PDB file of N, CA and C in Angstrom:
ATOM      1  N   MET A   1       3.768 -15.530  12.989  1.00  0.00           N
ATOM      2  CA  MET A   1       3.897 -14.568  12.113  1.00  0.00           C
ATOM      3  C   MET A   1       4.792 -15.001  10.946  1.00  0.00           C
ATOM      4  N   ARG A   2       4.564 -14.748   9.788  1.00  0.00           N
ATOM      5  CA  ARG A   2       5.574 -15.138   8.574  1.00  0.00           C
ATOM      6  C   ARG A   2       6.411 -13.893   8.402  1.00  0.00           C
ATOM      7  N   ASN A   3       7.541 -14.264   7.901  1.00  0.00           N
ATOM      8  CA  ASN A   3       8.643 -13.389   7.453  1.00  0.00           C
ATOM      9  C   ASN A   3       8.311 -13.192   5.943  1.00  0.00           C
ATOM     10  N   ILE A   4       8.068 -11.696   5.494  1.00  0.00           N
ATOM     11  CA  ILE A   4       7.716 -11.580   4.144  1.00  0.00           C
ATOM     12  C   ILE A   4       8.902 -10.976   3.320  1.00  0.00           C
ATOM     13  N   GLY A   5      10.037 -11.113   3.904  1.00  0.00           N
ATOM     14  CA  GLY A   5      11.154 -11.093   3.031  1.00  0.00           C
ATOM     15  C   GLY A   5      11.545  -9.314   2.961  1.00  0.00           C
ATOM     16  N   ILE A   6      10.863  -8.437   3.459  1.00  0.00           N
ATOM     17  CA  ILE A   6      11.238  -6.852   3.518  1.00  0.00           C
ATOM     18  C   ILE A   6      11.383  -6.463   4.907  1.00  0.00           C
ATOM     19  N   GLU A   7      12.140  -5.463   5.198  1.00  0.00           N
ATOM     20  CA  GLU A   7      12.687  -5.057   6.381  1.00  0.00           C
ATOM     21  C   GLU A   7      11.556  -4.027   6.569  1.00  0.00           C
ATOM     22  N   VAL A   8      10.392  -4.448   7.351  1.00  0.00           N
ATOM     23  CA  VAL A   8       9.260  -3.541   7.743  1.00  0.00           C
ATOM     24  C   VAL A   8       9.077  -3.871   9.361  1.00  0.00           C
ATOM     25  N   LYS A   9       8.400  -3.238   9.944  1.00  0.00           N
ATOM     26  CA  LYS A   9       8.157  -3.257  11.414  1.00  0.00           C
ATOM     27  C   LYS A   9       6.840  -4.188  11.263  1.00  0.00           C
ATOM     28  N   PRO A  10       6.746  -5.538  11.892  1.00  0.00           N
ATOM     29  CA  PRO A  10       5.521  -6.148  11.763  1.00  0.00           C
ATOM     30  C   PRO A  10       4.462  -5.614  12.597  1.00  0.00           C
ATOM     31  N   PRO A  11       3.210  -5.960  12.295  1.00  0.00           N
ATOM     32  CA  PRO A  11       2.102  -5.342  13.027  1.00  0.00           C
ATOM     33  C   PRO A  11       1.842  -6.020  14.373  1.00  0.00           C
ATOM     34  N   GLU A  12       1.429  -5.104  15.262  1.00  0.00           N
ATOM     35  CA  GLU A  12       1.264  -5.430  16.600  1.00  0.00           C
ATOM     36  C   GLU A  12      -0.118  -6.498  16.865  1.00  0.00           C
ATOM     37  N   GLY A  13      -1.018  -6.210  15.954  1.00  0.00           N
ATOM     38  CA  GLY A  13      -2.302  -7.038  16.050  1.00  0.00           C
ATOM     39  C   GLY A  13      -2.321  -8.347  15.322  1.00  0.00           C
ATOM     40  N   THR A  14      -3.186  -9.083  15.529  1.00  0.00           N
ATOM     41  CA  THR A  14      -3.304 -10.422  14.612  1.00  0.00           C
ATOM     42  C   THR A  14      -4.763 -10.369  13.907  1.00  0.00           C
ATOM     43  N   CYS A  15      -4.595 -11.468  12.989  1.00  0.00           N
ATOM     44  CA  CYS A  15      -5.928 -11.282  12.147  1.00  0.00           C
ATOM     45  C   CYS A  15      -6.034 -12.666  11.375  1.00  0.00           C
ATOM     46  N   ASN A  16      -7.228 -13.086  10.986  1.00  0.00           N
ATOM     47  CA  ASN A  16      -7.384 -14.183  10.290  1.00  0.00           C
ATOM     48  C   ASN A  16      -7.666 -14.173   9.059  1.00  0.00           C
ATOM     49  N   ASP A  17      -7.042 -13.083   8.340  1.00  0.00           N
ATOM     50  CA  ASP A  17      -7.242 -12.731   6.897  1.00  0.00           C
ATOM     51  C   ASP A  17      -6.338 -13.522   6.095  1.00  0.00           C
ATOM     52  N   GLU A  18      -6.826 -14.316   5.116  1.00  0.00           N
ATOM     53  CA  GLU A  18      -6.084 -15.079   4.361  1.00  0.00           C
ATOM     54  C   GLU A  18      -5.298 -14.260   3.324  1.00  0.00           C
ATOM     55  N   ARG A  19      -5.611 -13.041   2.934  1.00  0.00           N
ATOM     56  CA  ARG A  19      -4.920 -11.931   2.262  1.00  0.00           C
ATOM     57  C   ARG A  19      -4.015 -11.002   3.047  1.00  0.00           C
ATOM     58  N   CYS A  20      -3.492 -11.567   4.175  1.00  0.00           N
ATOM     59  CA  CYS A  20      -2.705 -10.799   4.862  1.00  0.00           C
ATOM     60  C   CYS A  20      -1.182 -11.370   4.680  1.00  0.00           C
ATOM     61  N   PRO A  21      -0.309 -10.467   4.374  1.00  0.00           N
ATOM     62  CA  PRO A  21       1.156 -11.160   3.952  1.00  0.00           C
ATOM     63  C   PRO A  21       1.699 -11.658   5.322  1.00  0.00           C
ATOM     64  N   PHE A  22       1.603 -11.041   6.405  1.00  0.00           N
ATOM     65  CA  PHE A  22       2.017 -11.539   7.722  1.00  0.00           C
ATOM     66  C   PHE A  22       1.369 -12.737   8.436  1.00  0.00           C
ATOM     67  N   HIS A  23       0.081 -12.900   8.311  1.00  0.00           N
ATOM     68  CA  HIS A  23      -0.781 -13.937   8.882  1.00  0.00           C
ATOM     69  C   HIS A  23      -1.409 -14.852   7.873  1.00  0.00           C
ATOM     70  N   GLY A  24      -1.427 -14.640   6.819  1.00  0.00           N
ATOM     71  CA  GLY A  24      -2.131 -15.427   5.626  1.00  0.00           C
ATOM     72  C   GLY A  24      -1.157 -15.990   4.819  1.00  0.00           C
ATOM     73  N   THR A  25      -1.607 -16.331   3.434  1.00  0.00           N
ATOM     74  CA  THR A  25      -0.524 -16.757   2.428  1.00  0.00           C
ATOM     75  C   THR A  25      -0.333 -15.960   1.261  1.00  0.00           C
ATOM     76  N   LEU A  26      -0.722 -14.813   1.255  1.00  0.00           N
ATOM     77  CA  LEU A  26      -0.370 -13.847   0.265  1.00  0.00           C
ATOM     78  C   LEU A  26       1.262 -13.500   0.256  1.00  0.00           C
ATOM     79  N   SER A  27       1.704 -13.781  -0.905  1.00  0.00           N
ATOM     80  CA  SER A  27       3.178 -13.390  -1.098  1.00  0.00           C
ATOM     81  C   SER A  27       3.411 -12.065  -1.760  1.00  0.00           C
ATOM     82  N   ILE A  28       4.462 -11.464  -1.465  1.00  0.00           N
ATOM     83  CA  ILE A  28       4.810 -10.121  -1.986  1.00  0.00           C
ATOM     84  C   ILE A  28       5.901 -10.308  -3.323  1.00  0.00           C
ATOM     85  N   ARG A  29       5.754  -9.491  -4.139  1.00  0.00           N
ATOM     86  CA  ARG A  29       6.692  -9.562  -5.232  1.00  0.00           C
ATOM     87  C   ARG A  29       6.546  -8.064  -5.994  1.00  0.00           C
ATOM     88  N   GLY A  30       7.427  -7.582  -6.626  1.00  0.00           N
ATOM     89  CA  GLY A  30       7.452  -6.432  -7.417  1.00  0.00           C
ATOM     90  C   GLY A  30       7.765  -5.146  -6.681  1.00  0.00           C
ATOM     91  N   GLN A  31       7.056  -4.003  -7.097  1.00  0.00           N
ATOM     92  CA  GLN A  31       7.292  -2.802  -6.403  1.00  0.00           C
ATOM     93  C   GLN A  31       6.837  -2.610  -5.137  1.00  0.00           C
ATOM     94  N   ILE A  32       7.689  -1.699  -4.336  1.00  0.00           N
ATOM     95  CA  ILE A  32       7.145  -1.319  -2.951  1.00  0.00           C
ATOM     96  C   ILE A  32       7.080   0.299  -3.268  1.00  0.00           C
ATOM     97  N   LEU A  33       5.940   0.822  -2.956  1.00  0.00           N
ATOM     98  CA  LEU A  33       5.774   2.276  -3.231  1.00  0.00           C
ATOM     99  C   LEU A  33       5.138   2.864  -1.800  1.00  0.00           C
ATOM    100  N   SER A  34       5.069   4.131  -1.668  1.00  0.00           N
ATOM    101  CA  SER A  34       4.545   4.734  -0.499  1.00  0.00           C
ATOM    102  C   SER A  34       3.581   5.744  -0.920  1.00  0.00           C
ATOM    103  N   GLY A  35       2.558   6.203  -0.129  1.00  0.00           N
ATOM    104  CA  GLY A  35       1.722   7.172  -0.302  1.00  0.00           C
ATOM    105  C   GLY A  35       0.768   7.337   0.776  1.00  0.00           C
ATOM    106  N   LYS A  36      -0.274   8.245   0.448  1.00  0.00           N
ATOM    107  CA  LYS A  36      -0.973   8.723   1.628  1.00  0.00           C
ATOM    108  C   LYS A  36      -2.484   8.161   1.270  1.00  0.00           C
ATOM    109  N   VAL A  37      -3.168   7.616   2.368  1.00  0.00           N
ATOM    110  CA  VAL A  37      -4.438   7.023   2.309  1.00  0.00           C
ATOM    111  C   VAL A  37      -5.495   8.081   2.309  1.00  0.00           C
ATOM    112  N   LEU A  38      -6.374   7.975   1.291  1.00  0.00           N
ATOM    113  CA  LEU A  38      -7.276   8.875   1.058  1.00  0.00           C
ATOM    114  C   LEU A  38      -8.751   8.665   1.650  1.00  0.00           C
ATOM    115  N   LYS A  39      -9.148   7.329   1.239  1.00  0.00           N
ATOM    116  CA  LYS A  39     -10.363   6.731   2.035  1.00  0.00           C
ATOM    117  C   LYS A  39     -10.331   5.260   2.159  1.00  0.00           C
ATOM    118  N   VAL A  40     -11.084   4.783   2.977  1.00  0.00           N
ATOM    119  CA  VAL A  40     -11.014   3.431   3.349  1.00  0.00           C
ATOM    120  C   VAL A  40     -12.690   3.108   3.256  1.00  0.00           C
ATOM    121  N   TYR A  41     -12.604   2.017   2.637  1.00  0.00           N
ATOM    122  CA  TYR A  41     -14.236   1.248   2.568  1.00  0.00           C
ATOM    123  C   TYR A  41     -13.954  -0.236   2.578  1.00  0.00           C
ATOM    124  N   GLY A  42     -14.383  -0.844   3.712  1.00  0.00           N
ATOM    125  CA  GLY A  42     -14.438  -2.311   3.846  1.00  0.00           C
ATOM    126  C   GLY A  42     -12.669  -2.617   4.187  1.00  0.00           C
ATOM    127  N   LYS A  43     -12.423  -3.638   3.171  1.00  0.00           N
ATOM    128  CA  LYS A  43     -11.018  -4.036   3.393  1.00  0.00           C
ATOM    129  C   LYS A  43     -10.077  -3.370   2.216  1.00  0.00           C
ATOM    130  N   THR A  44     -10.600  -2.133   1.713  1.00  0.00           N
ATOM    131  CA  THR A  44      -9.775  -1.598   0.615  1.00  0.00           C
ATOM    132  C   THR A  44      -9.549  -0.116   1.062  1.00  0.00           C
ATOM    133  N   ALA A  45      -8.407   0.187   0.726  1.00  0.00           N
ATOM    134  CA  ALA A  45      -8.064   1.556   0.742  1.00  0.00           C
ATOM    135  C   ALA A  45      -7.400   2.136  -0.352  1.00  0.00           C
ATOM    136  N   VAL A  46      -8.002   3.555  -0.578  1.00  0.00           N
ATOM    137  CA  VAL A  46      -7.442   4.214  -1.944  1.00  0.00           C
ATOM    138  C   VAL A  46      -6.188   5.050  -1.373  1.00  0.00           C
ATOM    139  N   ILE A  47      -4.945   4.640  -2.280  1.00  0.00           N
ATOM    140  CA  ILE A  47      -3.890   5.356  -1.856  1.00  0.00           C
ATOM    141  C   ILE A  47      -3.364   6.304  -2.961  1.00  0.00           C
ATOM    142  N   GLU A  48      -2.836   7.719  -2.614  1.00  0.00           N
ATOM    143  CA  GLU A  48      -2.660   8.571  -3.690  1.00  0.00           C
ATOM    144  C   GLU A  48      -1.146   8.801  -3.414  1.00  0.00           C
ATOM    145  N   ARG A  49      -0.480   8.662  -4.696  1.00  0.00           N
ATOM    146  CA  ARG A  49       0.904   9.051  -4.796  1.00  0.00           C
ATOM    147  C   ARG A  49       1.136  10.465  -5.374  1.00  0.00           C
ATOM    148  N   GLU A  50       1.882  11.305  -5.102  1.00  0.00           N
ATOM    149  CA  GLU A  50       2.495  12.208  -5.720  1.00  0.00           C
ATOM    150  C   GLU A  50       3.784  12.408  -6.421  1.00  0.00           C
ATOM    151  N   LEU A  51       3.718  12.417  -7.859  1.00  0.00           N
ATOM    152  CA  LEU A  51       5.033  12.439  -8.482  1.00  0.00           C
ATOM    153  C   LEU A  51       5.484  13.753  -9.069  1.00  0.00           C
ATOM    154  N   ILE A  52       6.777  14.255  -8.969  1.00  0.00           N
ATOM    155  CA  ILE A  52       7.075  15.425  -9.597  1.00  0.00           C
ATOM    156  C   ILE A  52       8.060  15.011 -10.883  1.00  0.00           C
ATOM    157  N   LYS A  53       7.709  15.639 -11.880  1.00  0.00           N
ATOM    158  CA  LYS A  53       8.630  15.383 -13.201  1.00  0.00           C
ATOM    159  C   LYS A  53       8.947  16.744 -13.699  1.00  0.00           C
ATOM    160  N   TYR A  54      10.204  16.642 -14.173  1.00  0.00           N
ATOM    161  CA  TYR A  54      10.744  18.013 -14.817  1.00  0.00           C
ATOM    162  C   TYR A  54      10.448  18.003 -16.311  1.00  0.00           C
ATOM    163  N   VAL A  55       9.856  19.054 -16.790  1.00  0.00           N
ATOM    164  CA  VAL A  55       9.455  19.417 -18.288  1.00  0.00           C
ATOM    165  C   VAL A  55      10.661  20.167 -18.676  1.00  0.00           C
ATOM    166  N   PRO A  56      11.450  19.603 -19.533  1.00  0.00           N
ATOM    167  CA  PRO A  56      12.602  20.567 -20.214  1.00  0.00           C
ATOM    168  C   PRO A  56      12.285  21.657 -21.069  1.00  0.00           C
ATOM    169  N   LYS A  57      11.144  21.452 -21.705  1.00  0.00           N
ATOM    170  CA  LYS A  57      10.612  22.495 -22.607  1.00  0.00           C
ATOM    171  C   LYS A  57      10.312  23.779 -21.926  1.00  0.00           C
ATOM    172  N   TYR A  58       9.677  23.614 -20.757  1.00  0.00           N
ATOM    173  CA  TYR A  58       9.090  24.719 -20.259  1.00  0.00           C
ATOM    174  C   TYR A  58      10.172  25.232 -18.883  1.00  0.00           C
ATOM    175  N   GLU A  59      11.326  24.325 -18.597  1.00  0.00           N
ATOM    176  CA  GLU A  59      12.370  24.232 -17.527  1.00  0.00           C
ATOM    177  C   GLU A  59      11.479  24.502 -16.135  1.00  0.00           C
ATOM    178  N   ARG A  60      10.449  23.642 -15.896  1.00  0.00           N
ATOM    179  CA  ARG A  60       9.587  23.761 -14.913  1.00  0.00           C
ATOM    180  C   ARG A  60       9.239  22.241 -14.272  1.00  0.00           C
ATOM    181  N   TYR A  61       9.000  22.044 -13.128  1.00  0.00           N
ATOM    182  CA  TYR A  61       8.343  20.879 -12.584  1.00  0.00           C
ATOM    183  C   TYR A  61       6.871  20.577 -12.697  1.00  0.00           C
ATOM    184  N   MET A  62       6.395  19.436 -13.076  1.00  0.00           N
ATOM    185  CA  MET A  62       5.111  19.271 -13.095  1.00  0.00           C
ATOM    186  C   MET A  62       4.704  18.182 -12.046  1.00  0.00           C
ATOM    187  N   ARG A  63       3.523  18.443 -11.463  1.00  0.00           N
ATOM    188  CA  ARG A  63       3.088  17.515 -10.318  1.00  0.00           C
ATOM    189  C   ARG A  63       2.208  16.655 -11.118  1.00  0.00           C
ATOM    190  N   LYS A  64       2.185  15.444 -10.557  1.00  0.00           N
ATOM    191  CA  LYS A  64       1.155  14.295 -11.114  1.00  0.00           C
ATOM    192  C   LYS A  64       0.907  13.644  -9.984  1.00  0.00           C
ATOM    193  N   ARG A  65      -0.508  13.006  -9.865  1.00  0.00           N
ATOM    194  CA  ARG A  65      -0.999  12.208  -9.050  1.00  0.00           C
ATOM    195  C   ARG A  65      -1.523  10.951  -9.465  1.00  0.00           C
ATOM    196  N   SER A  66      -1.288   9.913  -8.723  1.00  0.00           N
ATOM    197  CA  SER A  66      -1.902   8.493  -9.232  1.00  0.00           C
ATOM    198  C   SER A  66      -2.650   7.964  -7.981  1.00  0.00           C
ATOM    199  N   ARG A  67      -3.525   7.392  -8.278  1.00  0.00           N
ATOM    200  CA  ARG A  67      -4.306   6.868  -7.118  1.00  0.00           C
ATOM    201  C   ARG A  67      -4.430   5.078  -7.349  1.00  0.00           C
ATOM    202  N   LEU A  68      -3.998   4.430  -6.361  1.00  0.00           N
ATOM    203  CA  LEU A  68      -4.161   2.958  -6.364  1.00  0.00           C
ATOM    204  C   LEU A  68      -5.081   2.541  -5.225  1.00  0.00           C
ATOM    205  N   HIS A  69      -5.569   1.284  -5.659  1.00  0.00           N
ATOM    206  CA  HIS A  69      -6.346   0.612  -4.634  1.00  0.00           C
ATOM    207  C   HIS A  69      -5.527  -0.519  -3.946  1.00  0.00           C
ATOM    208  N   ALA A  70      -5.534  -0.736  -2.659  1.00  0.00           N
ATOM    209  CA  ALA A  70      -4.702  -1.712  -1.924  1.00  0.00           C
ATOM    210  C   ALA A  70      -5.580  -2.380  -0.873  1.00  0.00           C
ATOM    211  N   HIS A  71      -5.209  -3.342  -0.540  1.00  0.00           N
ATOM    212  CA  HIS A  71      -5.948  -4.417   0.307  1.00  0.00           C
ATOM    213  C   HIS A  71      -5.297  -3.834   1.913  1.00  0.00           C
ATOM    214  N   ASN A  72      -6.311  -3.666   2.735  1.00  0.00           N
ATOM    215  CA  ASN A  72      -6.112  -2.916   4.160  1.00  0.00           C
ATOM    216  C   ASN A  72      -6.282  -4.221   4.960  1.00  0.00           C
ATOM    217  N   PRO A  73      -5.253  -5.013   5.438  1.00  0.00           N
ATOM    218  CA  PRO A  73      -5.562  -6.039   6.496  1.00  0.00           C
ATOM    219  C   PRO A  73      -6.103  -5.689   7.853  1.00  0.00           C
ATOM    220  N   GLU A  74      -6.620  -6.577   8.535  1.00  0.00           N
ATOM    221  CA  GLU A  74      -7.237  -6.220   9.854  1.00  0.00           C
ATOM    222  C   GLU A  74      -6.316  -5.765  10.721  1.00  0.00           C
ATOM    223  N   CYS A  75      -5.101  -6.600  10.769  1.00  0.00           N
ATOM    224  CA  CYS A  75      -3.986  -6.118  11.639  1.00  0.00           C
ATOM    225  C   CYS A  75      -3.242  -4.910  11.535  1.00  0.00           C
ATOM    226  N   ILE A  76      -3.329  -4.315  10.289  1.00  0.00           N
ATOM    227  CA  ILE A  76      -2.778  -2.959  10.306  1.00  0.00           C
ATOM    228  C   ILE A  76      -3.628  -1.929  10.373  1.00  0.00           C
ATOM    229  N   ARG A  77      -4.904  -1.929   9.770  1.00  0.00           N
ATOM    230  CA  ARG A  77      -5.898  -0.988  10.018  1.00  0.00           C
ATOM    231  C   ARG A  77      -5.501   0.434   9.708  1.00  0.00           C
ATOM    232  N   ALA A  78      -5.091   0.600   8.392  1.00  0.00           N
ATOM    233  CA  ALA A  78      -4.876   2.098   8.164  1.00  0.00           C
ATOM    234  C   ALA A  78      -5.986   3.006   8.101  1.00  0.00           C
ATOM    235  N   LYS A  79      -5.898   4.267   8.469  1.00  0.00           N
ATOM    236  CA  LYS A  79      -6.996   5.126   8.475  1.00  0.00           C
ATOM    237  C   LYS A  79      -6.643   6.350   7.452  1.00  0.00           C
ATOM    238  N   PRO A  80      -7.611   7.093   6.997  1.00  0.00           N
ATOM    239  CA  PRO A  80      -7.358   8.204   6.141  1.00  0.00           C
ATOM    240  C   PRO A  80      -6.501   9.181   6.730  1.00  0.00           C
ATOM    241  N   GLY A  81      -5.385   9.612   5.910  1.00  0.00           N
ATOM    242  CA  GLY A  81      -4.597  10.597   6.563  1.00  0.00           C
ATOM    243  C   GLY A  81      -3.226   9.900   6.700  1.00  0.00           C
ATOM    244  N   ASP A  82      -3.138   8.632   6.930  1.00  0.00           N
ATOM    245  CA  ASP A  82      -2.100   7.788   7.106  1.00  0.00           C
ATOM    246  C   ASP A  82      -1.009   7.881   5.931  1.00  0.00           C
ATOM    247  N   THR A  83       0.215   7.866   6.146  1.00  0.00           N
ATOM    248  CA  THR A  83       1.194   7.581   5.079  1.00  0.00           C
ATOM    249  C   THR A  83       1.685   6.175   5.496  1.00  0.00           C
ATOM    250  N   VAL A  84       1.504   5.368   4.225  1.00  0.00           N
ATOM    251  CA  VAL A  84       1.727   3.978   4.281  1.00  0.00           C
ATOM    252  C   VAL A  84       2.726   3.394   3.206  1.00  0.00           C
ATOM    253  N   ARG A  85       3.354   2.174   3.440  1.00  0.00           N
ATOM    254  CA  ARG A  85       4.011   1.641   2.409  1.00  0.00           C
ATOM    255  C   ARG A  85       3.379   0.521   1.907  1.00  0.00           C
ATOM    256  N   ILE A  86       3.057   0.331   0.522  1.00  0.00           N
ATOM    257  CA  ILE A  86       2.388  -0.747   0.089  1.00  0.00           C
ATOM    258  C   ILE A  86       3.304  -1.652  -0.881  1.00  0.00           C
ATOM    259  N   ALA A  87       3.043  -2.938  -0.980  1.00  0.00           N
ATOM    260  CA  ALA A  87       3.790  -3.831  -1.776  1.00  0.00           C
ATOM    261  C   ALA A  87       2.996  -4.560  -2.939  1.00  0.00           C
ATOM    262  N   GLU A  88       3.443  -4.711  -4.222  1.00  0.00           N
ATOM    263  CA  GLU A  88       2.936  -5.362  -5.210  1.00  0.00           C
ATOM    264  C   GLU A  88       2.563  -6.923  -4.860  1.00  0.00           C
ATOM    265  N   CYS A  89       1.322  -7.397  -5.132  1.00  0.00           N
ATOM    266  CA  CYS A  89       1.039  -8.800  -4.892  1.00  0.00           C
ATOM    267  C   CYS A  89       0.434  -9.349  -6.164  1.00  0.00           C
ATOM    268  N   ARG A  90      -0.207 -10.550  -6.077  1.00  0.00           N
ATOM    269  CA  ARG A  90      -1.033 -11.093  -7.116  1.00  0.00           C
ATOM    270  C   ARG A  90      -2.330 -10.430  -7.174  1.00  0.00           C
ATOM    271  N   PRO A  91      -3.100 -10.190  -8.248  1.00  0.00           N
ATOM    272  CA  PRO A  91      -4.302  -9.475  -8.300  1.00  0.00           C
ATOM    273  C   PRO A  91      -5.305 -10.061  -7.165  1.00  0.00           C
ATOM    274  N   ILE A  92      -5.934  -9.273  -6.353  1.00  0.00           N
ATOM    275  CA  ILE A  92      -6.846  -9.689  -5.478  1.00  0.00           C
ATOM    276  C   ILE A  92      -8.157  -9.650  -5.914  1.00  0.00           C
ATOM    277  N   SER A  93      -8.373  -8.510  -6.734  1.00  0.00           N
ATOM    278  CA  SER A  93      -9.634  -8.387  -7.420  1.00  0.00           C
ATOM    279  C   SER A  93      -9.325  -7.508  -8.641  1.00  0.00           C
ATOM    280  N   LYS A  94     -10.521  -6.746  -9.301  1.00  0.00           N
ATOM    281  CA  LYS A  94     -10.249  -6.205 -10.631  1.00  0.00           C
ATOM    282  C   LYS A  94      -9.404  -4.998 -10.431  1.00  0.00           C
ATOM    283  N   THR A  95      -9.417  -4.394  -9.525  1.00  0.00           N
ATOM    284  CA  THR A  95      -8.604  -3.216  -9.192  1.00  0.00           C
ATOM    285  C   THR A  95      -7.488  -3.397  -8.229  1.00  0.00           C
ATOM    286  N   LYS A  96      -7.552  -4.350  -7.379  1.00  0.00           N
ATOM    287  CA  LYS A  96      -6.498  -4.481  -6.417  1.00  0.00           C
ATOM    288  C   LYS A  96      -5.508  -5.352  -6.669  1.00  0.00           C
ATOM    289  N   SER A  97      -4.154  -4.647  -6.643  1.00  0.00           N
ATOM    290  CA  SER A  97      -2.818  -5.601  -6.926  1.00  0.00           C
ATOM    291  C   SER A  97      -1.939  -5.206  -5.791  1.00  0.00           C
ATOM    292  N   PHE A  98      -2.223  -4.409  -4.840  1.00  0.00           N
ATOM    293  CA  PHE A  98      -1.301  -4.033  -3.923  1.00  0.00           C
ATOM    294  C   PHE A  98      -1.841  -4.288  -2.372  1.00  0.00           C
ATOM    295  N   VAL A  99      -1.006  -4.400  -1.549  1.00  0.00           N
ATOM    296  CA  VAL A  99      -1.340  -4.641  -0.196  1.00  0.00           C
ATOM    297  C   VAL A  99      -0.635  -3.722   0.920  1.00  0.00           C
ATOM    298  N   ILE A 100      -1.174  -3.136   1.747  1.00  0.00           N
ATOM    299  CA  ILE A 100      -0.541  -2.385   2.755  1.00  0.00           C
ATOM    300  C   ILE A 100       0.389  -3.187   3.680  1.00  0.00           C
ATOM    301  N   ILE A 101       1.645  -2.972   4.046  1.00  0.00           N
ATOM    302  CA  ILE A 101       2.590  -3.837   4.687  1.00  0.00           C
ATOM    303  C   ILE A 101       3.066  -2.811   6.001  1.00  0.00           C
ATOM    304  N   GLU A 102       2.851  -1.611   5.839  1.00  0.00           N
ATOM    305  CA  GLU A 102       3.300  -0.841   6.964  1.00  0.00           C
ATOM    306  C   GLU A 102       2.566   0.663   6.990  1.00  0.00           C
ATOM    307  N   VAL A 103       2.364   1.025   8.198  1.00  0.00           N
ATOM    308  CA  VAL A 103       1.963   2.422   8.346  1.00  0.00           C
ATOM    309  C   VAL A 103       3.205   3.224   8.761  1.00  0.00           C
ATOM    310  N   ILE A 104       3.615   4.176   8.055  1.00  0.00           N
ATOM    311  CA  ILE A 104       4.961   4.934   8.322  1.00  0.00           C
ATOM    312  C   ILE A 104       4.420   5.980   9.355  1.00  0.00           C
ATOM    313  N   LYS A 105       3.369   6.860   9.160  1.00  0.00           N
ATOM    314  CA  LYS A 105       3.103   8.007  10.121  1.00  0.00           C
ATOM    315  C   LYS A 105       1.423   7.700  10.413  1.00  0.00           C
TER     316      LYS A 105
END
């Protein structure tokens, strides 16, 4: 198992996935975000992040949501409803530039 350079709990399972940061050759760089898994199809997971922004004009807070597509390695197997930590990597496909590195809950 490789050291990815981030303090995360390594997965217990093993996999033969080349796009896994722990067992393959995919390198991690850039942002590290967290969010909730909405749905999983194939090796892709849709992650939703909720952002809260203050609007000075109305003196209130505004909620925004953004959805990201992330690669879900076989050794991690995140399910819908899990809170996960994702890390930026090279573009894997047209919409995937993140990979799941840890399941928090």
